[in-house]
């Protein structure tokens, strides 16, 4: 696991280690560079890396906006460890075995958001 304290560091760290990273979890509200800006730069570096976006603010667009912009999933805050684990497993399983999951990344995000919200 690799951590970054803000959006700028997240992009810099990802750029140097993206070959070793299987999944990115980004908060949309971060200092120095927003989660949206970091997400776009990460996608430029590695378009295929799975990305889960997260936010506790509904004004940031939530799951539908995240899906339209190409995120694999959106995890609304607050969430429990079990919900994070479920989201990570689902995204990684879908990414690793496209034949098992016949969903597009945007469909996956909507499904995750719905199932996670219903378990709260």
PDB file of N, CA and C in Angstrom:
ATOM      1  N   UNK A   1       0.851  -1.171   0.000  1.00  0.00           N
ATOM      2  CA  UNK A   1       0.000   0.000   0.000  1.00  0.00           C
ATOM      3  C   UNK A   1       0.896   1.232   0.000  1.00  0.00           C
ATOM      4  N   UNK A   2       0.510   2.204  -0.791  1.00  0.00           N
ATOM      5  CA  UNK A   2       1.229   3.467  -0.895  1.00  0.00           C
ATOM      6  C   UNK A   2       0.264   4.575  -0.504  1.00  0.00           C
ATOM      7  N   UNK A   3       0.716   5.495   0.329  1.00  0.00           N
ATOM      8  CA  UNK A   3      -0.131   6.602   0.764  1.00  0.00           C
ATOM      9  C   UNK A   3       0.424   7.925   0.285  1.00  0.00           C
ATOM     10  N   UNK A   4      -0.466   8.894   0.149  1.00  0.00           N
ATOM     11  CA  UNK A   4      -0.069  10.258  -0.187  1.00  0.00           C
ATOM     12  C   UNK A   4      -0.876  11.209   0.684  1.00  0.00           C
ATOM     13  N   UNK A   5      -0.276  12.329   1.055  1.00  0.00           N
ATOM     14  CA  UNK A   5      -0.962  13.257   1.960  1.00  0.00           C
ATOM     15  C   UNK A   5      -1.827  14.276   1.231  1.00  0.00           C
ATOM     16  N   UNK A   6      -1.677  14.403  -0.094  1.00  0.00           N
ATOM     17  CA  UNK A   6      -2.491  15.339  -0.860  1.00  0.00           C
ATOM     18  C   UNK A   6      -2.516  14.915  -2.332  1.00  0.00           C
ATOM     19  N   UNK A   7      -3.291  15.626  -3.128  1.00  0.00           N
ATOM     20  CA  UNK A   7      -3.448  15.272  -4.528  1.00  0.00           C
ATOM     21  C   UNK A   7      -2.167  15.367  -5.339  1.00  0.00           C
ATOM     22  N   UNK A   8      -1.378  16.371  -5.067  1.00  0.00           N
ATOM     23  CA  UNK A   8      -0.111  16.541  -5.779  1.00  0.00           C
ATOM     24  C   UNK A   8       0.829  15.371  -5.506  1.00  0.00           C
ATOM     25  N   UNK A   9       0.975  15.016  -4.238  1.00  0.00           N
ATOM     26  CA  UNK A   9       1.826  13.881  -3.876  1.00  0.00           C
ATOM     27  C   UNK A   9       1.268  12.574  -4.444  1.00  0.00           C
ATOM     28  N   UNK A  10      -0.041  12.449  -4.500  1.00  0.00           N
ATOM     29  CA  UNK A  10      -0.653  11.238  -5.054  1.00  0.00           C
ATOM     30  C   UNK A  10      -0.234  11.043  -6.508  1.00  0.00           C
ATOM     31  N   UNK A  11      -0.291  12.098  -7.295  1.00  0.00           N
ATOM     32  CA  UNK A  11       0.086  12.004  -8.706  1.00  0.00           C
ATOM     33  C   UNK A  11       1.576  11.731  -8.841  1.00  0.00           C
ATOM     34  N   UNK A  12       2.394  12.444  -8.079  1.00  0.00           N
ATOM     35  CA  UNK A  12       3.847  12.238  -8.140  1.00  0.00           C
ATOM     36  C   UNK A  12       4.215  10.807  -7.762  1.00  0.00           C
ATOM     37  N   UNK A  13       3.616  10.308  -6.703  1.00  0.00           N
ATOM     38  CA  UNK A  13       3.887   8.944  -6.254  1.00  0.00           C
ATOM     39  C   UNK A  13       3.415   7.937  -7.296  1.00  0.00           C
ATOM     40  N   UNK A  14       2.235   8.158  -7.830  1.00  0.00           N
ATOM     41  CA  UNK A  14       1.702   7.242  -8.832  1.00  0.00           C
ATOM     42  C   UNK A  14       2.591   7.219 -10.071  1.00  0.00           C
ATOM     43  N   UNK A  15       3.041   8.366 -10.484  1.00  0.00           N
ATOM     44  CA  UNK A  15       3.877   8.458 -11.681  1.00  0.00           C
ATOM     45  C   UNK A  15       5.149   7.624 -11.533  1.00  0.00           C
ATOM     46  N   UNK A  16       5.715   7.611 -10.343  1.00  0.00           N
ATOM     47  CA  UNK A  16       6.948   6.866 -10.114  1.00  0.00           C
ATOM     48  C   UNK A  16       6.765   5.384  -9.835  1.00  0.00           C
ATOM     49  N   UNK A  17       5.551   4.968  -9.482  1.00  0.00           N
ATOM     50  CA  UNK A  17       5.347   3.572  -9.063  1.00  0.00           C
ATOM     51  C   UNK A  17       4.138   2.900  -9.706  1.00  0.00           C
ATOM     52  N   UNK A  18       3.558   3.504 -10.735  1.00  0.00           N
ATOM     53  CA  UNK A  18       2.277   2.999 -11.247  1.00  0.00           C
ATOM     54  C   UNK A  18       2.325   1.552 -11.748  1.00  0.00           C
ATOM     55  N   UNK A  19       3.490   1.064 -12.136  1.00  0.00           N
ATOM     56  CA  UNK A  19       3.585  -0.331 -12.592  1.00  0.00           C
ATOM     57  C   UNK A  19       3.290  -1.308 -11.461  1.00  0.00           C
ATOM     58  N   UNK A  20       3.476  -0.875 -10.232  1.00  0.00           N
ATOM     59  CA  UNK A  20       3.285  -1.736  -9.066  1.00  0.00           C
ATOM     60  C   UNK A  20       1.938  -1.532  -8.383  1.00  0.00           C
ATOM     61  N   UNK A  21       1.131  -0.607  -8.865  1.00  0.00           N
ATOM     62  CA  UNK A  21      -0.129  -0.262  -8.201  1.00  0.00           C
ATOM     63  C   UNK A  21      -1.287  -0.961  -8.909  1.00  0.00           C
ATOM     64  N   UNK A  22      -2.087  -1.704  -8.142  1.00  0.00           N
ATOM     65  CA  UNK A  22      -3.217  -2.449  -8.693  1.00  0.00           C
ATOM     66  C   UNK A  22      -4.524  -1.683  -8.645  1.00  0.00           C
ATOM     67  N   UNK A  23      -4.618  -0.692  -7.744  1.00  0.00           N
ATOM     68  CA  UNK A  23      -5.862   0.047  -7.574  1.00  0.00           C
ATOM     69  C   UNK A  23      -5.559   1.366  -6.875  1.00  0.00           C
ATOM     70  N   UNK A  24      -6.321   2.404  -7.232  1.00  0.00           N
ATOM     71  CA  UNK A  24      -6.168   3.715  -6.606  1.00  0.00           C
ATOM     72  C   UNK A  24      -7.473   4.066  -5.898  1.00  0.00           C
ATOM     73  N   UNK A  25      -7.359   4.515  -4.652  1.00  0.00           N
ATOM     74  CA  UNK A  25      -8.490   5.027  -3.883  1.00  0.00           C
ATOM     75  C   UNK A  25      -8.222   6.506  -3.644  1.00  0.00           C
ATOM     76  N   UNK A  26      -9.087   7.361  -4.187  1.00  0.00           N
ATOM     77  CA  UNK A  26      -8.882   8.806  -4.107  1.00  0.00           C
ATOM     78  C   UNK A  26     -10.048   9.492  -3.418  1.00  0.00           C
ATOM     79  N   UNK A  27      -9.748  10.356  -2.478  1.00  0.00           N
ATOM     80  CA  UNK A  27     -10.758  11.242  -1.913  1.00  0.00           C
ATOM     81  C   UNK A  27     -10.878  12.430  -2.868  1.00  0.00           C
ATOM     82  N   UNK A  28     -12.064  12.914  -3.088  1.00  0.00           N
ATOM     83  CA  UNK A  28     -12.246  14.040  -3.993  1.00  0.00           C
ATOM     84  C   UNK A  28     -11.817  15.367  -3.383  1.00  0.00           C
ATOM     85  N   UNK A  29     -11.752  15.448  -2.059  1.00  0.00           N
ATOM     86  CA  UNK A  29     -11.346  16.678  -1.390  1.00  0.00           C
ATOM     87  C   UNK A  29      -9.966  16.478  -0.776  1.00  0.00           C
ATOM     88  N   UNK A  30      -8.969  17.053  -1.426  1.00  0.00           N
ATOM     89  CA  UNK A  30      -7.589  16.954  -0.937  1.00  0.00           C
ATOM     90  C   UNK A  30      -6.909  18.306  -1.112  1.00  0.00           C
ATOM     91  N   UNK A  31      -5.917  18.580  -0.277  1.00  0.00           N
ATOM     92  CA  UNK A  31      -5.170  19.831  -0.435  1.00  0.00           C
ATOM     93  C   UNK A  31      -4.260  19.794  -1.668  1.00  0.00           C
ATOM     94  N   UNK A  32      -3.828  20.955  -2.096  1.00  0.00           N
ATOM     95  CA  UNK A  32      -2.879  21.196  -3.191  1.00  0.00           C
ATOM     96  C   UNK A  32      -3.386  20.784  -4.569  1.00  0.00           C
ATOM     97  N   UNK A  33      -4.131  19.708  -4.679  1.00  0.00           N
ATOM     98  CA  UNK A  33      -4.701  19.286  -5.955  1.00  0.00           C
ATOM     99  C   UNK A  33      -5.957  18.485  -5.642  1.00  0.00           C
ATOM    100  N   UNK A  34      -7.047  18.849  -6.262  1.00  0.00           N
ATOM    101  CA  UNK A  34      -8.313  18.162  -5.976  1.00  0.00           C
ATOM    102  C   UNK A  34      -8.255  16.700  -6.416  1.00  0.00           C
ATOM    103  N   UNK A  35      -9.165  15.919  -5.879  1.00  0.00           N
ATOM    104  CA  UNK A  35      -9.259  14.523  -6.284  1.00  0.00           C
ATOM    105  C   UNK A  35      -9.590  14.378  -7.761  1.00  0.00           C
ATOM    106  N   UNK A  36     -10.442  15.288  -8.287  1.00  0.00           N
ATOM    107  CA  UNK A  36     -10.773  15.237  -9.716  1.00  0.00           C
ATOM    108  C   UNK A  36      -9.528  15.484 -10.561  1.00  0.00           C
ATOM    109  N   UNK A  37      -8.734  16.490 -10.194  1.00  0.00           N
ATOM    110  CA  UNK A  37      -7.521  16.798 -10.964  1.00  0.00           C
ATOM    111  C   UNK A  37      -6.524  15.641 -10.874  1.00  0.00           C
ATOM    112  N   UNK A  38      -6.362  15.097  -9.678  1.00  0.00           N
ATOM    113  CA  UNK A  38      -5.457  13.954  -9.501  1.00  0.00           C
ATOM    114  C   UNK A  38      -5.949  12.756 -10.314  1.00  0.00           C
ATOM    115  N   UNK A  39      -7.251  12.502 -10.287  1.00  0.00           N
ATOM    116  CA  UNK A  39      -7.841  11.405 -11.053  1.00  0.00           C
ATOM    117  C   UNK A  39      -7.530  11.544 -12.544  1.00  0.00           C
ATOM    118  N   UNK A  40      -7.738  12.738 -13.086  1.00  0.00           N
ATOM    119  CA  UNK A  40      -7.484  12.965 -14.510  1.00  0.00           C
ATOM    120  C   UNK A  40      -6.014  12.743 -14.856  1.00  0.00           C
ATOM    121  N   UNK A  41      -5.111  13.197 -14.018  1.00  0.00           N
ATOM    122  CA  UNK A  41      -3.683  13.001 -14.280  1.00  0.00           C
ATOM    123  C   UNK A  41      -3.288  11.523 -14.155  1.00  0.00           C
ATOM    124  N   UNK A  42      -3.861  10.837 -13.191  1.00  0.00           N
ATOM    125  CA  UNK A  42      -3.584   9.405 -13.031  1.00  0.00           C
ATOM    126  C   UNK A  42      -4.077   8.643 -14.250  1.00  0.00           C
ATOM    127  N   UNK A  43      -5.247   9.006 -14.768  1.00  0.00           N
ATOM    128  CA  UNK A  43      -5.782   8.367 -15.975  1.00  0.00           C
ATOM    129  C   UNK A  43      -4.880   8.622 -17.189  1.00  0.00           C
ATOM    130  N   UNK A  44      -4.267   9.806 -17.260  1.00  0.00           N
ATOM    131  CA  UNK A  44      -3.337  10.102 -18.360  1.00  0.00           C
ATOM    132  C   UNK A  44      -2.096   9.214 -18.269  1.00  0.00           C
ATOM    133  N   UNK A  45      -1.630   8.982 -17.052  1.00  0.00           N
ATOM    134  CA  UNK A  45      -0.439   8.148 -16.846  1.00  0.00           C
ATOM    135  C   UNK A  45      -0.751   6.685 -17.119  1.00  0.00           C
ATOM    136  N   UNK A  46      -1.879   6.215 -16.618  1.00  0.00           N
ATOM    137  CA  UNK A  46      -2.246   4.803 -16.733  1.00  0.00           C
ATOM    138  C   UNK A  46      -3.764   4.677 -16.879  1.00  0.00           C
ATOM    139  N   UNK A  47      -4.270   4.705 -18.111  1.00  0.00           N
ATOM    140  CA  UNK A  47      -5.717   4.678 -18.323  1.00  0.00           C
ATOM    141  C   UNK A  47      -6.412   3.419 -17.812  1.00  0.00           C
ATOM    142  N   UNK A  48      -5.674   2.337 -17.656  1.00  0.00           N
ATOM    143  CA  UNK A  48      -6.289   1.072 -17.281  1.00  0.00           C
ATOM    144  C   UNK A  48      -6.335   0.815 -15.778  1.00  0.00           C
ATOM    145  N   UNK A  49      -5.658   1.604 -14.969  1.00  0.00           N
ATOM    146  CA  UNK A  49      -5.646   1.341 -13.527  1.00  0.00           C
ATOM    147  C   UNK A  49      -7.039   1.576 -12.939  1.00  0.00           C
ATOM    148  N   UNK A  50      -7.536   0.627 -12.151  1.00  0.00           N
ATOM    149  CA  UNK A  50      -8.842   0.822 -11.519  1.00  0.00           C
ATOM    150  C   UNK A  50      -8.778   1.938 -10.469  1.00  0.00           C
ATOM    151  N   UNK A  51      -9.810   2.784 -10.450  1.00  0.00           N
ATOM    152  CA  UNK A  51      -9.857   3.906  -9.510  1.00  0.00           C
ATOM    153  C   UNK A  51     -11.212   3.919  -8.811  1.00  0.00           C
ATOM    154  N   UNK A  52     -11.165   3.983  -7.478  1.00  0.00           N
ATOM    155  CA  UNK A  52     -12.349   4.186  -6.656  1.00  0.00           C
ATOM    156  C   UNK A  52     -12.262   5.604  -6.108  1.00  0.00           C
ATOM    157  N   UNK A  53     -13.285   6.404  -6.372  1.00  0.00           N
ATOM    158  CA  UNK A  53     -13.356   7.754  -5.832  1.00  0.00           C
ATOM    159  C   UNK A  53     -14.257   7.755  -4.614  1.00  0.00           C
ATOM    160  N   UNK A  54     -13.964   8.660  -3.681  1.00  0.00           N
ATOM    161  CA  UNK A  54     -14.735   8.722  -2.459  1.00  0.00           C
ATOM    162  C   UNK A  54     -14.928  10.169  -2.034  1.00  0.00           C
ATOM    163  N   UNK A  55     -16.090  10.443  -1.442  1.00  0.00           N
ATOM    164  CA  UNK A  55     -16.354  11.780  -0.917  1.00  0.00           C
ATOM    165  C   UNK A  55     -17.514  11.731   0.059  1.00  0.00           C
ATOM    166  N   UNK A  56     -17.483  12.653   0.979  1.00  0.00           N
ATOM    167  CA  UNK A  56     -18.594  12.818   1.908  1.00  0.00           C
ATOM    168  C   UNK A  56     -19.456  14.001   1.537  1.00  0.00           C
ATOM    169  N   UNK A  57     -19.091  14.678   0.450  1.00  0.00           N
ATOM    170  CA  UNK A  57     -19.822  15.874   0.029  1.00  0.00           C
ATOM    171  C   UNK A  57     -20.653  15.576  -1.205  1.00  0.00           C
ATOM    172  N   UNK A  58     -21.945  15.768  -1.109  1.00  0.00           N
ATOM    173  CA  UNK A  58     -22.823  15.496  -2.254  1.00  0.00           C
ATOM    174  C   UNK A  58     -22.639  16.525  -3.360  1.00  0.00           C
ATOM    175  N   UNK A  59     -22.084  17.694  -3.049  1.00  0.00           N
ATOM    176  CA  UNK A  59     -21.901  18.737  -4.058  1.00  0.00           C
ATOM    177  C   UNK A  59     -20.785  18.399  -5.038  1.00  0.00           C
ATOM    178  N   UNK A  60     -20.029  17.349  -4.776  1.00  0.00           N
ATOM    179  CA  UNK A  60     -18.924  17.006  -5.669  1.00  0.00           C
ATOM    180  C   UNK A  60     -19.344  16.048  -6.773  1.00  0.00           C
ATOM    181  N   UNK A  61     -20.597  15.774  -6.899  1.00  0.00           N
ATOM    182  CA  UNK A  61     -21.070  14.993  -8.019  1.00  0.00           C
ATOM    183  C   UNK A  61     -21.411  13.565  -7.706  1.00  0.00           C
ATOM    184  N   UNK A  62     -20.772  12.964  -6.756  1.00  0.00           N
ATOM    185  CA  UNK A  62     -21.088  11.602  -6.369  1.00  0.00           C
ATOM    186  C   UNK A  62     -20.848  10.575  -7.450  1.00  0.00           C
ATOM    187  N   UNK A  63     -21.550   9.461  -7.298  1.00  0.00           N
ATOM    188  CA  UNK A  63     -21.336   8.302  -8.148  1.00  0.00           C
ATOM    189  C   UNK A  63     -21.616   8.509  -9.613  1.00  0.00           C
ATOM    190  N   UNK A  64     -22.682   9.214  -9.944  1.00  0.00           N
ATOM    191  CA  UNK A  64     -23.015   9.394 -11.359  1.00  0.00           C
ATOM    192  C   UNK A  64     -21.953  10.209 -12.074  1.00  0.00           C
ATOM    193  N   UNK A  65     -21.489  11.270 -11.448  1.00  0.00           N
ATOM    194  CA  UNK A  65     -20.428  12.074 -12.052  1.00  0.00           C
ATOM    195  C   UNK A  65     -19.133  11.273 -12.138  1.00  0.00           C
ATOM    196  N   UNK A  66     -18.811  10.531 -11.091  1.00  0.00           N
ATOM    197  CA  UNK A  66     -17.595   9.712 -11.096  1.00  0.00           C
ATOM    198  C   UNK A  66     -17.650   8.685 -12.221  1.00  0.00           C
ATOM    199  N   UNK A  67     -18.799   8.078 -12.409  1.00  0.00           N
ATOM    200  CA  UNK A  67     -18.951   7.082 -13.470  1.00  0.00           C
ATOM    201  C   UNK A  67     -18.817   7.709 -14.850  1.00  0.00           C
ATOM    202  N   UNK A  68     -19.441   8.857 -15.034  1.00  0.00           N
ATOM    203  CA  UNK A  68     -19.339   9.541 -16.335  1.00  0.00           C
ATOM    204  C   UNK A  68     -17.901   9.922 -16.649  1.00  0.00           C
ATOM    205  N   UNK A  69     -17.158  10.238 -15.619  1.00  0.00           N
ATOM    206  CA  UNK A  69     -15.771  10.670 -15.832  1.00  0.00           C
ATOM    207  C   UNK A  69     -14.793   9.500 -15.892  1.00  0.00           C
ATOM    208  N   UNK A  70     -15.286   8.280 -15.745  1.00  0.00           N
ATOM    209  CA  UNK A  70     -14.441   7.115 -15.974  1.00  0.00           C
ATOM    210  C   UNK A  70     -13.922   6.388 -14.749  1.00  0.00           C
ATOM    211  N   UNK A  71     -14.409   6.740 -13.570  1.00  0.00           N
ATOM    212  CA  UNK A  71     -14.000   6.001 -12.370  1.00  0.00           C
ATOM    213  C   UNK A  71     -14.651   4.623 -12.383  1.00  0.00           C
ATOM    214  N   UNK A  72     -13.995   3.677 -11.767  1.00  0.00           N
ATOM    215  CA  UNK A  72     -14.538   2.323 -11.703  1.00  0.00           C
ATOM    216  C   UNK A  72     -15.616   2.193 -10.640  1.00  0.00           C
ATOM    217  N   UNK A  73     -15.558   3.035  -9.624  1.00  0.00           N
ATOM    218  CA  UNK A  73     -16.550   2.994  -8.556  1.00  0.00           C
ATOM    219  C   UNK A  73     -16.500   4.294  -7.763  1.00  0.00           C
ATOM    220  N   UNK A  74     -17.583   4.545  -7.048  1.00  0.00           N
ATOM    221  CA  UNK A  74     -17.655   5.673  -6.132  1.00  0.00           C
ATOM    222  C   UNK A  74     -18.116   5.142  -4.786  1.00  0.00           C
ATOM    223  N   UNK A  75     -17.410   5.516  -3.733  1.00  0.00           N
ATOM    224  CA  UNK A  75     -17.721   5.067  -2.387  1.00  0.00           C
ATOM    225  C   UNK A  75     -18.080   6.287  -1.540  1.00  0.00           C
ATOM    226  N   UNK A  76     -19.364   6.468  -1.225  1.00  0.00           N
ATOM    227  CA  UNK A  76     -19.752   7.634  -0.431  1.00  0.00           C
ATOM    228  C   UNK A  76     -19.326   7.483   1.031  1.00  0.00           C
ATOM    229  N   UNK A  77     -18.914   8.603   1.617  1.00  0.00           N
ATOM    230  CA  UNK A  77     -18.550   8.620   3.037  1.00  0.00           C
ATOM    231  C   UNK A  77     -19.776   8.991   3.856  1.00  0.00           C
ATOM    232  N   UNK A  78     -19.840   8.560   5.057  1.00  0.00           N
ATOM    233  CA  UNK A  78     -18.903   7.652   5.722  1.00  0.00           C
ATOM    234  C   UNK A  78     -19.149   6.212   5.260  1.00  0.00           C
ATOM    235  N   UNK A  79     -18.107   5.427   5.273  1.00  0.00           N
ATOM    236  CA  UNK A  79     -18.254   4.013   4.939  1.00  0.00           C
ATOM    237  C   UNK A  79     -17.521   3.181   5.979  1.00  0.00           C
ATOM    238  N   UNK A  80     -17.901   1.923   6.051  1.00  0.00           N
ATOM    239  CA  UNK A  80     -17.287   0.996   7.001  1.00  0.00           C
ATOM    240  C   UNK A  80     -16.193   0.210   6.296  1.00  0.00           C
ATOM    241  N   UNK A  81     -15.305  -0.377   7.070  1.00  0.00           N
ATOM    242  CA  UNK A  81     -14.196  -1.160   6.510  1.00  0.00           C
ATOM    243  C   UNK A  81     -14.724  -2.273   5.602  1.00  0.00           C
ATOM    244  N   UNK A  82     -15.818  -2.885   5.990  1.00  0.00           N
ATOM    245  CA  UNK A  82     -16.403  -3.954   5.185  1.00  0.00           C
ATOM    246  C   UNK A  82     -16.858  -3.429   3.818  1.00  0.00           C
ATOM    247  N   UNK A  83     -17.395  -2.228   3.778  1.00  0.00           N
ATOM    248  CA  UNK A  83     -17.839  -1.642   2.509  1.00  0.00           C
ATOM    249  C   UNK A  83     -16.643  -1.316   1.610  1.00  0.00           C
ATOM    250  N   UNK A  84     -15.578  -0.813   2.205  1.00  0.00           N
ATOM    251  CA  UNK A  84     -14.361  -0.541   1.439  1.00  0.00           C
ATOM    252  C   UNK A  84     -13.798  -1.843   0.890  1.00  0.00           C
ATOM    253  N   UNK A  85     -13.741  -2.867   1.723  1.00  0.00           N
ATOM    254  CA  UNK A  85     -13.241  -4.174   1.289  1.00  0.00           C
ATOM    255  C   UNK A  85     -14.074  -4.711   0.140  1.00  0.00           C
ATOM    256  N   UNK A  86     -15.382  -4.600   0.237  1.00  0.00           N
ATOM    257  CA  UNK A  86     -16.275  -5.069  -0.818  1.00  0.00           C
ATOM    258  C   UNK A  86     -16.016  -4.311  -2.121  1.00  0.00           C
ATOM    259  N   UNK A  87     -15.895  -3.009  -2.034  1.00  0.00           N
ATOM    260  CA  UNK A  87     -15.656  -2.197  -3.226  1.00  0.00           C
ATOM    261  C   UNK A  87     -14.330  -2.568  -3.889  1.00  0.00           C
ATOM    262  N   UNK A  88     -13.278  -2.703  -3.093  1.00  0.00           N
ATOM    263  CA  UNK A  88     -11.961  -3.053  -3.630  1.00  0.00           C
ATOM    264  C   UNK A  88     -12.014  -4.426  -4.296  1.00  0.00           C
ATOM    265  N   UNK A  89     -12.592  -5.400  -3.620  1.00  0.00           N
ATOM    266  CA  UNK A  89     -12.679  -6.749  -4.209  1.00  0.00           C
ATOM    267  C   UNK A  89     -13.461  -6.744  -5.513  1.00  0.00           C
ATOM    268  N   UNK A  90     -14.594  -6.069  -5.524  1.00  0.00           N
ATOM    269  CA  UNK A  90     -15.424  -6.030  -6.721  1.00  0.00           C
ATOM    270  C   UNK A  90     -14.685  -5.385  -7.893  1.00  0.00           C
ATOM    271  N   UNK A  91     -14.059  -4.255  -7.641  1.00  0.00           N
ATOM    272  CA  UNK A  91     -13.342  -3.558  -8.707  1.00  0.00           C
ATOM    273  C   UNK A  91     -12.161  -4.393  -9.201  1.00  0.00           C
ATOM    274  N   UNK A  92     -11.380  -4.956  -8.291  1.00  0.00           N
ATOM    275  CA  UNK A  92     -10.234  -5.764  -8.712  1.00  0.00           C
ATOM    276  C   UNK A  92     -10.671  -7.025  -9.448  1.00  0.00           C
ATOM    277  N   UNK A  93     -11.694  -7.694  -8.953  1.00  0.00           N
ATOM    278  CA  UNK A  93     -12.175  -8.902  -9.625  1.00  0.00           C
ATOM    279  C   UNK A  93     -12.674  -8.590 -11.030  1.00  0.00           C
ATOM    280  N   UNK A  94     -13.384  -7.500 -11.164  1.00  0.00           N
ATOM    281  CA  UNK A  94     -13.893  -7.108 -12.474  1.00  0.00           C
ATOM    282  C   UNK A  94     -12.748  -6.739 -13.405  1.00  0.00           C
ATOM    283  N   UNK A  95     -11.795  -6.018 -12.883  1.00  0.00           N
ATOM    284  CA  UNK A  95     -10.656  -5.587 -13.690  1.00  0.00           C
ATOM    285  C   UNK A  95      -9.814  -6.783 -14.135  1.00  0.00           C
ATOM    286  N   UNK A  96      -9.622  -7.750 -13.257  1.00  0.00           N
ATOM    287  CA  UNK A  96      -8.755  -8.887 -13.555  1.00  0.00           C
ATOM    288  C   UNK A  96      -9.428  -9.935 -14.426  1.00  0.00           C
ATOM    289  N   UNK A  97     -10.720 -10.021 -14.382  1.00  0.00           N
ATOM    290  CA  UNK A  97     -11.414 -11.051 -15.148  1.00  0.00           C
ATOM    291  C   UNK A  97     -12.624 -10.456 -15.849  1.00  0.00           C
ATOM    292  N   UNK A  98     -12.396  -9.829 -16.978  1.00  0.00           N
ATOM    293  CA  UNK A  98     -13.456  -9.159 -17.723  1.00  0.00           C
ATOM    294  C   UNK A  98     -14.555 -10.133 -18.155  1.00  0.00           C
ATOM    295  N   UNK A  99     -14.233 -11.394 -18.322  1.00  0.00           N
ATOM    296  CA  UNK A  99     -15.245 -12.343 -18.780  1.00  0.00           C
ATOM    297  C   UNK A  99     -16.266 -12.669 -17.690  1.00  0.00           C
ATOM    298  N   UNK A 100     -15.891 -12.524 -16.435  1.00  0.00           N
ATOM    299  CA  UNK A 100     -16.816 -12.793 -15.331  1.00  0.00           C
ATOM    300  C   UNK A 100     -17.799 -11.646 -15.167  1.00  0.00           C
ATOM    301  N   UNK A 101     -17.292 -10.447 -15.238  1.00  0.00           N
ATOM    302  CA  UNK A 101     -18.148  -9.265 -15.056  1.00  0.00           C
ATOM    303  C   UNK A 101     -18.411  -8.640 -16.412  1.00  0.00           C
ATOM    304  N   UNK A 102     -19.632  -8.723 -16.872  1.00  0.00           N
ATOM    305  CA  UNK A 102     -19.991  -8.163 -18.171  1.00  0.00           C
ATOM    306  C   UNK A 102     -20.458  -6.722 -18.045  1.00  0.00           C
ATOM    307  N   UNK A 103     -20.013  -6.038 -17.010  1.00  0.00           N
ATOM    308  CA  UNK A 103     -20.411  -4.656 -16.788  1.00  0.00           C
ATOM    309  C   UNK A 103     -19.302  -3.725 -17.234  1.00  0.00           C
ATOM    310  N   UNK A 104     -19.696  -2.562 -17.726  1.00  0.00           N
ATOM    311  CA  UNK A 104     -18.726  -1.520 -18.023  1.00  0.00           C
ATOM    312  C   UNK A 104     -18.310  -0.888 -16.702  1.00  0.00           C
ATOM    313  N   UNK A 105     -17.181  -0.164 -16.677  1.00  0.00           N
ATOM    314  CA  UNK A 105     -16.785   0.485 -15.418  1.00  0.00           C
ATOM    315  C   UNK A 105     -17.872   1.399 -14.857  1.00  0.00           C
ATOM    316  N   UNK A 106     -18.598   2.112 -15.717  1.00  0.00           N
ATOM    317  CA  UNK A 106     -19.630   3.004 -15.191  1.00  0.00           C
ATOM    318  C   UNK A 106     -20.786   2.209 -14.586  1.00  0.00           C
ATOM    319  N   UNK A 107     -21.155   1.068 -15.191  1.00  0.00           N
ATOM    320  CA  UNK A 107     -22.207   0.237 -14.611  1.00  0.00           C
ATOM    321  C   UNK A 107     -21.761  -0.304 -13.259  1.00  0.00           C
ATOM    322  N   UNK A 108     -20.504  -0.708 -13.172  1.00  0.00           N
ATOM    323  CA  UNK A 108     -19.980  -1.237 -11.920  1.00  0.00           C
ATOM    324  C   UNK A 108     -20.089  -0.191 -10.819  1.00  0.00           C
ATOM    325  N   UNK A 109     -19.715   1.040 -11.117  1.00  0.00           N
ATOM    326  CA  UNK A 109     -19.779   2.093 -10.119  1.00  0.00           C
ATOM    327  C   UNK A 109     -21.179   2.314  -9.610  1.00  0.00           C
ATOM    328  N   UNK A 110     -22.148   2.297 -10.488  1.00  0.00           N
ATOM    329  CA  UNK A 110     -23.538   2.492 -10.076  1.00  0.00           C
ATOM    330  C   UNK A 110     -23.975   1.331  -9.195  1.00  0.00           C
ATOM    331  N   UNK A 111     -23.605   0.108  -9.573  1.00  0.00           N
ATOM    332  CA  UNK A 111     -23.972  -1.046  -8.761  1.00  0.00           C
ATOM    333  C   UNK A 111     -23.343  -0.966  -7.381  1.00  0.00           C
ATOM    334  N   UNK A 112     -22.072  -0.594  -7.317  1.00  0.00           N
ATOM    335  CA  UNK A 112     -21.397  -0.490  -6.030  1.00  0.00           C
ATOM    336  C   UNK A 112     -22.050   0.567  -5.158  1.00  0.00           C
ATOM    337  N   UNK A 113     -22.315   1.716  -5.732  1.00  0.00           N
ATOM    338  CA  UNK A 113     -22.900   2.796  -4.955  1.00  0.00           C
ATOM    339  C   UNK A 113     -24.252   2.354  -4.400  1.00  0.00           C
ATOM    340  N   UNK A 114     -25.050   1.686  -5.198  1.00  0.00           N
ATOM    341  CA  UNK A 114     -26.369   1.248  -4.749  1.00  0.00           C
ATOM    342  C   UNK A 114     -26.264   0.200  -3.665  1.00  0.00           C
ATOM    343  N   UNK A 115     -25.383  -0.800  -3.859  1.00  0.00           N
ATOM    344  CA  UNK A 115     -25.294  -1.871  -2.879  1.00  0.00           C
ATOM    345  C   UNK A 115     -24.674  -1.379  -1.576  1.00  0.00           C
ATOM    346  N   UNK A 116     -23.742  -0.473  -1.661  1.00  0.00           N
ATOM    347  CA  UNK A 116     -23.105   0.039  -0.455  1.00  0.00           C
ATOM    348  C   UNK A 116     -24.101   0.902   0.320  1.00  0.00           C
ATOM    349  N   UNK A 117     -24.839   1.743  -0.394  1.00  0.00           N
ATOM    350  CA  UNK A 117     -25.818   2.599   0.287  1.00  0.00           C
ATOM    351  C   UNK A 117     -26.904   1.773   0.966  1.00  0.00           C
ATOM    352  N   UNK A 118     -27.282   0.674   0.326  1.00  0.00           N
ATOM    353  CA  UNK A 118     -28.366  -0.138   0.907  1.00  0.00           C
ATOM    354  C   UNK A 118     -27.920  -0.903   2.150  1.00  0.00           C
ATOM    355  N   UNK A 119     -26.619  -1.089   2.347  1.00  0.00           N
ATOM    356  CA  UNK A 119     -26.119  -1.831   3.512  1.00  0.00           C
ATOM    357  C   UNK A 119     -25.867  -0.925   4.707  1.00  0.00           C
ATOM    358  N   UNK A 120     -26.010   0.359   4.538  1.00  0.00           N
ATOM    359  CA  UNK A 120     -25.731   1.283   5.647  1.00  0.00           C
ATOM    360  C   UNK A 120     -26.893   1.352   6.594  1.00  0.00           C
TER     361      UNK A 120
END
